Amino acid sequence: MKAWHNYTQQGIEDMAEAALNQAVRHIQDTMRIETGDAAGFFWTGEKGDIVLHILKQYIKYEIELNTKE
């Protein structure tokens, strides 16, 4: 694991966005959905912001747990 100080706010945001994108992609692949139109519409705005906020909190929690000595 990287040292806690190597995780920037941008890095945390990037991880959260990647996690949401992978989750949505998994659902689309499982359901054989070929376009992301509905996902883009659904996750834009408050719903996406809330999920990203929760994912960022989780990432920060993991960083905190894994950097305690």
PDB file of N, CA and C in Angstrom:
ATOM      1  N   MET A   1       0.844  -1.189   0.000  1.00  0.00           N
ATOM      2  CA  MET A   1       0.000   0.000   0.000  1.00  0.00           C
ATOM      3  C   MET A   1       0.878   1.237   0.000  1.00  0.00           C
ATOM      4  N   LYS A   2       0.442   2.228  -0.744  1.00  0.00           N
ATOM      5  CA  LYS A   2       1.167   3.494  -0.756  1.00  0.00           C
ATOM      6  C   LYS A   2       1.071   4.153   0.608  1.00  0.00           C
ATOM      7  N   ALA A   3       2.087   4.921   0.935  1.00  0.00           N
ATOM      8  CA  ALA A   3       2.030   5.693   2.175  1.00  0.00           C
ATOM      9  C   ALA A   3       0.872   6.677   2.097  1.00  0.00           C
ATOM     10  N   TRP A   4       0.245   6.942   3.230  1.00  0.00           N
ATOM     11  CA  TRP A   4      -0.949   7.789   3.263  1.00  0.00           C
ATOM     12  C   TRP A   4      -0.720   9.133   2.609  1.00  0.00           C
ATOM     13  N   HIS A   5       0.464   9.685   2.743  1.00  0.00           N
ATOM     14  CA  HIS A   5       0.703  11.017   2.192  1.00  0.00           C
ATOM     15  C   HIS A   5       0.817  11.012   0.663  1.00  0.00           C
ATOM     16  N   ASN A   6       0.874   9.825   0.059  1.00  0.00           N
ATOM     17  CA  ASN A   6       0.924   9.745  -1.398  1.00  0.00           C
ATOM     18  C   ASN A   6      -0.462   9.734  -2.037  1.00  0.00           C
ATOM     19  N   TYR A   7      -1.506   9.674  -1.226  1.00  0.00           N
ATOM     20  CA  TYR A   7      -2.867   9.719  -1.745  1.00  0.00           C
ATOM     21  C   TYR A   7      -3.341  11.165  -1.743  1.00  0.00           C
ATOM     22  N   THR A   8      -3.430  11.743  -2.909  1.00  0.00           N
ATOM     23  CA  THR A   8      -3.906  13.115  -3.019  1.00  0.00           C
ATOM     24  C   THR A   8      -5.429  13.122  -3.082  1.00  0.00           C
ATOM     25  N   GLN A   9      -6.012  14.276  -2.879  1.00  0.00           N
ATOM     26  CA  GLN A   9      -7.465  14.397  -3.008  1.00  0.00           C
ATOM     27  C   GLN A   9      -7.897  13.999  -4.413  1.00  0.00           C
ATOM     28  N   GLN A  10      -7.119  14.388  -5.408  1.00  0.00           N
ATOM     29  CA  GLN A  10      -7.434  14.010  -6.788  1.00  0.00           C
ATOM     30  C   GLN A  10      -7.357  12.502  -6.958  1.00  0.00           C
ATOM     31  N   GLY A  11      -6.364  11.872  -6.358  1.00  0.00           N
ATOM     32  CA  GLY A  11      -6.231  10.424  -6.444  1.00  0.00           C
ATOM     33  C   GLY A  11      -7.414   9.706  -5.814  1.00  0.00           C
ATOM     34  N   ILE A  12      -7.875  10.223  -4.687  1.00  0.00           N
ATOM     35  CA  ILE A  12      -9.041   9.659  -4.011  1.00  0.00           C
ATOM     36  C   ILE A  12     -10.281   9.826  -4.880  1.00  0.00           C
ATOM     37  N   GLU A  13     -10.451  10.993  -5.459  1.00  0.00           N
ATOM     38  CA  GLU A  13     -11.588  11.229  -6.347  1.00  0.00           C
ATOM     39  C   GLU A  13     -11.537  10.309  -7.563  1.00  0.00           C
ATOM     40  N   ASP A  14     -10.349  10.124  -8.112  1.00  0.00           N
ATOM     41  CA  ASP A  14     -10.193   9.241  -9.276  1.00  0.00           C
ATOM     42  C   ASP A  14     -10.563   7.804  -8.919  1.00  0.00           C
ATOM     43  N   MET A  15     -10.130   7.329  -7.729  1.00  0.00           N
ATOM     44  CA  MET A  15     -10.475   5.973  -7.300  1.00  0.00           C
ATOM     45  C   MET A  15     -11.977   5.814  -7.135  1.00  0.00           C
ATOM     46  N   ALA A  16     -12.623   6.808  -6.541  1.00  0.00           N
ATOM     47  CA  ALA A  16     -14.070   6.742  -6.328  1.00  0.00           C
ATOM     48  C   ALA A  16     -14.807   6.705  -7.662  1.00  0.00           C
ATOM     49  N   GLU A  17     -14.405   7.537  -8.597  1.00  0.00           N
ATOM     50  CA  GLU A  17     -15.047   7.549  -9.918  1.00  0.00           C
ATOM     51  C   GLU A  17     -14.823   6.228 -10.643  1.00  0.00           C
ATOM     52  N   ALA A  18     -13.618   5.681 -10.534  1.00  0.00           N
ATOM     53  CA  ALA A  18     -13.337   4.394 -11.176  1.00  0.00           C
ATOM     54  C   ALA A  18     -14.192   3.288 -10.563  1.00  0.00           C
ATOM     55  N   ALA A  19     -14.383   3.328  -9.242  1.00  0.00           N
ATOM     56  CA  ALA A  19     -15.201   2.314  -8.573  1.00  0.00           C
ATOM     57  C   ALA A  19     -16.655   2.389  -9.039  1.00  0.00           C
ATOM     58  N   LEU A  20     -17.194   3.596  -9.114  1.00  0.00           N
ATOM     59  CA  LEU A  20     -18.571   3.755  -9.593  1.00  0.00           C
ATOM     60  C   LEU A  20     -18.687   3.296 -11.040  1.00  0.00           C
ATOM     61  N   ASN A  21     -17.740   3.686 -11.867  1.00  0.00           N
ATOM     62  CA  ASN A  21     -17.775   3.295 -13.281  1.00  0.00           C
ATOM     63  C   ASN A  21     -17.707   1.780 -13.439  1.00  0.00           C
ATOM     64  N   GLN A  22     -16.855   1.123 -12.641  1.00  0.00           N
ATOM     65  CA  GLN A  22     -16.742  -0.330 -12.732  1.00  0.00           C
ATOM     66  C   GLN A  22     -18.021  -1.019 -12.275  1.00  0.00           C
ATOM     67  N   ALA A  23     -18.643  -0.493 -11.236  1.00  0.00           N
ATOM     68  CA  ALA A  23     -19.896  -1.074 -10.755  1.00  0.00           C
ATOM     69  C   ALA A  23     -20.984  -0.963 -11.824  1.00  0.00           C
ATOM     70  N   VAL A  24     -21.094   0.215 -12.423  1.00  0.00           N
ATOM     71  CA  VAL A  24     -22.104   0.425 -13.459  1.00  0.00           C
ATOM     72  C   VAL A  24     -21.797  -0.455 -14.683  1.00  0.00           C
ATOM     73  N   ARG A  25     -20.526  -0.520 -15.055  1.00  0.00           N
ATOM     74  CA  ARG A  25     -20.132  -1.346 -16.205  1.00  0.00           C
ATOM     75  C   ARG A  25     -20.470  -2.814 -15.960  1.00  0.00           C
ATOM     76  N   HIS A  26     -20.261  -3.294 -14.732  1.00  0.00           N
ATOM     77  CA  HIS A  26     -20.580  -4.682 -14.386  1.00  0.00           C
ATOM     78  C   HIS A  26     -22.078  -4.951 -14.581  1.00  0.00           C
ATOM     79  N   ILE A  27     -22.897  -4.031 -14.101  1.00  0.00           N
ATOM     80  CA  ILE A  27     -24.349  -4.169 -14.266  1.00  0.00           C
ATOM     81  C   ILE A  27     -24.709  -4.185 -15.753  1.00  0.00           C
ATOM     82  N   GLN A  28     -24.135  -3.267 -16.504  1.00  0.00           N
ATOM     83  CA  GLN A  28     -24.431  -3.199 -17.940  1.00  0.00           C
ATOM     84  C   GLN A  28     -23.980  -4.465 -18.658  1.00  0.00           C
ATOM     85  N   ASP A  29     -22.797  -4.961 -18.319  1.00  0.00           N
ATOM     86  CA  ASP A  29     -22.300  -6.185 -18.962  1.00  0.00           C
ATOM     87  C   ASP A  29     -23.183  -7.377 -18.617  1.00  0.00           C
ATOM     88  N   THR A  30     -23.559  -7.495 -17.353  1.00  0.00           N
ATOM     89  CA  THR A  30     -24.403  -8.610 -16.913  1.00  0.00           C
ATOM     90  C   THR A  30     -25.756  -8.585 -17.609  1.00  0.00           C
ATOM     91  N   MET A  31     -26.289  -7.383 -17.787  1.00  0.00           N
ATOM     92  CA  MET A  31     -27.601  -7.231 -18.420  1.00  0.00           C
ATOM     93  C   MET A  31     -27.502  -7.095 -19.938  1.00  0.00           C
ATOM     94  N   ARG A  32     -26.278  -7.137 -20.451  1.00  0.00           N
ATOM     95  CA  ARG A  32     -26.005  -7.012 -21.895  1.00  0.00           C
ATOM     96  C   ARG A  32     -26.544  -5.701 -22.462  1.00  0.00           C
ATOM     97  N   ILE A  33     -26.312  -4.645 -21.701  1.00  0.00           N
ATOM     98  CA  ILE A  33     -26.707  -3.302 -22.136  1.00  0.00           C
ATOM     99  C   ILE A  33     -25.564  -2.729 -22.954  1.00  0.00           C
ATOM    100  N   GLU A  34     -25.850  -2.299 -24.143  1.00  0.00           N
ATOM    101  CA  GLU A  34     -24.796  -1.903 -25.077  1.00  0.00           C
ATOM    102  C   GLU A  34     -24.417  -0.433 -25.014  1.00  0.00           C
ATOM    103  N   THR A  35     -25.281   0.416 -24.458  1.00  0.00           N
ATOM    104  CA  THR A  35     -24.938   1.833 -24.388  1.00  0.00           C
ATOM    105  C   THR A  35     -25.008   2.306 -22.940  1.00  0.00           C
ATOM    106  N   GLY A  36     -24.331   3.384 -22.668  1.00  0.00           N
ATOM    107  CA  GLY A  36     -24.345   3.953 -21.326  1.00  0.00           C
ATOM    108  C   GLY A  36     -25.286   5.126 -21.180  1.00  0.00           C
ATOM    109  N   ASP A  37     -26.193   5.289 -22.125  1.00  0.00           N
ATOM    110  CA  ASP A  37     -27.085   6.444 -22.107  1.00  0.00           C
ATOM    111  C   ASP A  37     -27.899   6.536 -20.821  1.00  0.00           C
ATOM    112  N   ALA A  38     -28.542   5.437 -20.440  1.00  0.00           N
ATOM    113  CA  ALA A  38     -29.379   5.454 -19.240  1.00  0.00           C
ATOM    114  C   ALA A  38     -28.525   5.674 -17.996  1.00  0.00           C
ATOM    115  N   ALA A  39     -27.360   5.048 -17.953  1.00  0.00           N
ATOM    116  CA  ALA A  39     -26.475   5.213 -16.798  1.00  0.00           C
ATOM    117  C   ALA A  39     -26.028   6.665 -16.667  1.00  0.00           C
ATOM    118  N   GLY A  40     -25.684   7.270 -17.778  1.00  0.00           N
ATOM    119  CA  GLY A  40     -25.280   8.668 -17.745  1.00  0.00           C
ATOM    120  C   GLY A  40     -26.379   9.561 -17.213  1.00  0.00           C
ATOM    121  N   PHE A  41     -27.586   9.294 -17.659  1.00  0.00           N
ATOM    122  CA  PHE A  41     -28.732  10.072 -17.195  1.00  0.00           C
ATOM    123  C   PHE A  41     -29.000   9.810 -15.712  1.00  0.00           C
ATOM    124  N   PHE A  42     -28.960   8.535 -15.321  1.00  0.00           N
ATOM    125  CA  PHE A  42     -29.291   8.150 -13.950  1.00  0.00           C
ATOM    126  C   PHE A  42     -28.278   8.674 -12.934  1.00  0.00           C
ATOM    127  N   TRP A  43     -26.984   8.566 -13.256  1.00  0.00           N
ATOM    128  CA  TRP A  43     -25.933   8.885 -12.277  1.00  0.00           C
ATOM    129  C   TRP A  43     -25.476  10.337 -12.305  1.00  0.00           C
ATOM    130  N   THR A  44     -25.965  11.135 -13.223  1.00  0.00           N
ATOM    131  CA  THR A  44     -25.597  12.551 -13.266  1.00  0.00           C
ATOM    132  C   THR A  44     -26.400  13.304 -12.216  1.00  0.00           C
ATOM    133  N   GLY A  45     -25.710  14.107 -11.430  1.00  0.00           N
ATOM    134  CA  GLY A  45     -26.402  14.909 -10.422  1.00  0.00           C
ATOM    135  C   GLY A  45     -26.309  14.322  -9.034  1.00  0.00           C
ATOM    136  N   GLU A  46     -27.363  14.505  -8.270  1.00  0.00           N
ATOM    137  CA  GLU A  46     -27.347  14.195  -6.844  1.00  0.00           C
ATOM    138  C   GLU A  46     -27.044  12.723  -6.539  1.00  0.00           C
ATOM    139  N   LYS A  47     -27.638  11.790  -7.291  1.00  0.00           N
ATOM    140  CA  LYS A  47     -27.397  10.365  -7.030  1.00  0.00           C
ATOM    141  C   LYS A  47     -25.921  10.026  -7.169  1.00  0.00           C
ATOM    142  N   GLY A  48     -25.325  10.462  -8.254  1.00  0.00           N
ATOM    143  CA  GLY A  48     -23.904  10.203  -8.467  1.00  0.00           C
ATOM    144  C   GLY A  48     -23.048  10.880  -7.427  1.00  0.00           C
ATOM    145  N   ASP A  49     -23.397  12.105  -7.078  1.00  0.00           N
ATOM    146  CA  ASP A  49     -22.631  12.850  -6.070  1.00  0.00           C
ATOM    147  C   ASP A  49     -22.660  12.143  -4.722  1.00  0.00           C
ATOM    148  N   ILE A  50     -23.831  11.616  -4.348  1.00  0.00           N
ATOM    149  CA  ILE A  50     -23.962  10.927  -3.060  1.00  0.00           C
ATOM    150  C   ILE A  50     -23.108   9.657  -3.046  1.00  0.00           C
ATOM    151  N   VAL A  51     -23.191   8.866  -4.099  1.00  0.00           N
ATOM    152  CA  VAL A  51     -22.417   7.626  -4.153  1.00  0.00           C
ATOM    153  C   VAL A  51     -20.922   7.927  -4.161  1.00  0.00           C
ATOM    154  N   LEU A  52     -20.503   8.918  -4.931  1.00  0.00           N
ATOM    155  CA  LEU A  52     -19.086   9.284  -4.952  1.00  0.00           C
ATOM    156  C   LEU A  52     -18.621   9.761  -3.582  1.00  0.00           C
ATOM    157  N   HIS A  53     -19.442  10.502  -2.884  1.00  0.00           N
ATOM    158  CA  HIS A  53     -19.101  10.968  -1.540  1.00  0.00           C
ATOM    159  C   HIS A  53     -18.891   9.777  -0.605  1.00  0.00           C
ATOM    160  N   ILE A  54     -19.786   8.806  -0.662  1.00  0.00           N
ATOM    161  CA  ILE A  54     -19.668   7.616   0.182  1.00  0.00           C
ATOM    162  C   ILE A  54     -18.415   6.819  -0.177  1.00  0.00           C
ATOM    163  N   LEU A  55     -18.146   6.657  -1.455  1.00  0.00           N
ATOM    164  CA  LEU A  55     -16.939   5.934  -1.868  1.00  0.00           C
ATOM    165  C   LEU A  55     -15.679   6.646  -1.403  1.00  0.00           C
ATOM    166  N   LYS A  56     -15.659   7.971  -1.481  1.00  0.00           N
ATOM    167  CA  LYS A  56     -14.492   8.723  -1.007  1.00  0.00           C
ATOM    168  C   LYS A  56     -14.317   8.564   0.494  1.00  0.00           C
ATOM    169  N   GLN A  57     -15.420   8.543   1.240  1.00  0.00           N
ATOM    170  CA  GLN A  57     -15.329   8.316   2.685  1.00  0.00           C
ATOM    171  C   GLN A  57     -14.738   6.941   2.964  1.00  0.00           C
ATOM    172  N   TYR A  58     -15.182   5.948   2.218  1.00  0.00           N
ATOM    173  CA  TYR A  58     -14.662   4.595   2.399  1.00  0.00           C
ATOM    174  C   TYR A  58     -13.167   4.532   2.083  1.00  0.00           C
ATOM    175  N   ILE A  59     -12.745   5.149   0.998  1.00  0.00           N
ATOM    176  CA  ILE A  59     -11.324   5.169   0.628  1.00  0.00           C
ATOM    177  C   ILE A  59     -10.502   5.817   1.737  1.00  0.00           C
ATOM    178  N   LYS A  60     -10.974   6.941   2.240  1.00  0.00           N
ATOM    179  CA  LYS A  60     -10.259   7.624   3.326  1.00  0.00           C
ATOM    180  C   LYS A  60     -10.213   6.762   4.578  1.00  0.00           C
ATOM    181  N   TYR A  61     -11.275   6.034   4.844  1.00  0.00           N
ATOM    182  CA  TYR A  61     -11.316   5.121   5.986  1.00  0.00           C
ATOM    183  C   TYR A  61     -10.269   4.025   5.825  1.00  0.00           C
ATOM    184  N   GLU A  62     -10.181   3.436   4.638  1.00  0.00           N
ATOM    185  CA  GLU A  62      -9.172   2.402   4.375  1.00  0.00           C
ATOM    186  C   GLU A  62      -7.760   2.959   4.516  1.00  0.00           C
ATOM    187  N   ILE A  63      -7.548   4.164   4.022  1.00  0.00           N
ATOM    188  CA  ILE A  63      -6.225   4.786   4.155  1.00  0.00           C
ATOM    189  C   ILE A  63      -5.888   4.951   5.629  1.00  0.00           C
ATOM    190  N   GLU A  64      -6.856   5.450   6.384  1.00  0.00           N
ATOM    191  CA  GLU A  64      -6.631   5.655   7.820  1.00  0.00           C
ATOM    192  C   GLU A  64      -6.314   4.338   8.525  1.00  0.00           C
ATOM    193  N   LEU A  65      -7.085   3.295   8.242  1.00  0.00           N
ATOM    194  CA  LEU A  65      -6.867   1.997   8.888  1.00  0.00           C
ATOM    195  C   LEU A  65      -5.510   1.404   8.526  1.00  0.00           C
ATOM    196  N   ASN A  66      -5.100   1.594   7.298  1.00  0.00           N
ATOM    197  CA  ASN A  66      -3.881   0.978   6.828  1.00  0.00           C
ATOM    198  C   ASN A  66      -2.622   1.800   7.058  1.00  0.00           C
ATOM    199  N   THR A  67      -2.771   2.964   7.638  1.00  0.00           N
ATOM    200  CA  THR A  67      -1.588   3.771   7.918  1.00  0.00           C
ATOM    201  C   THR A  67      -1.327   3.893   9.408  1.00  0.00           C
ATOM    202  N   LYS A  68      -2.206   3.314  10.226  1.00  0.00           N
ATOM    203  CA  LYS A  68      -1.961   3.320  11.671  1.00  0.00           C
ATOM    204  C   LYS A  68      -0.849   2.326  11.986  1.00  0.00           C
ATOM    205  N   GLU A  69      -0.034   2.702  12.909  1.00  0.00           N
ATOM    206  CA  GLU A  69       1.070   1.823  13.278  1.00  0.00           C
ATOM    207  C   GLU A  69       0.910   1.299  14.655  1.00  0.00           C
TER     208      GLU A  69
END
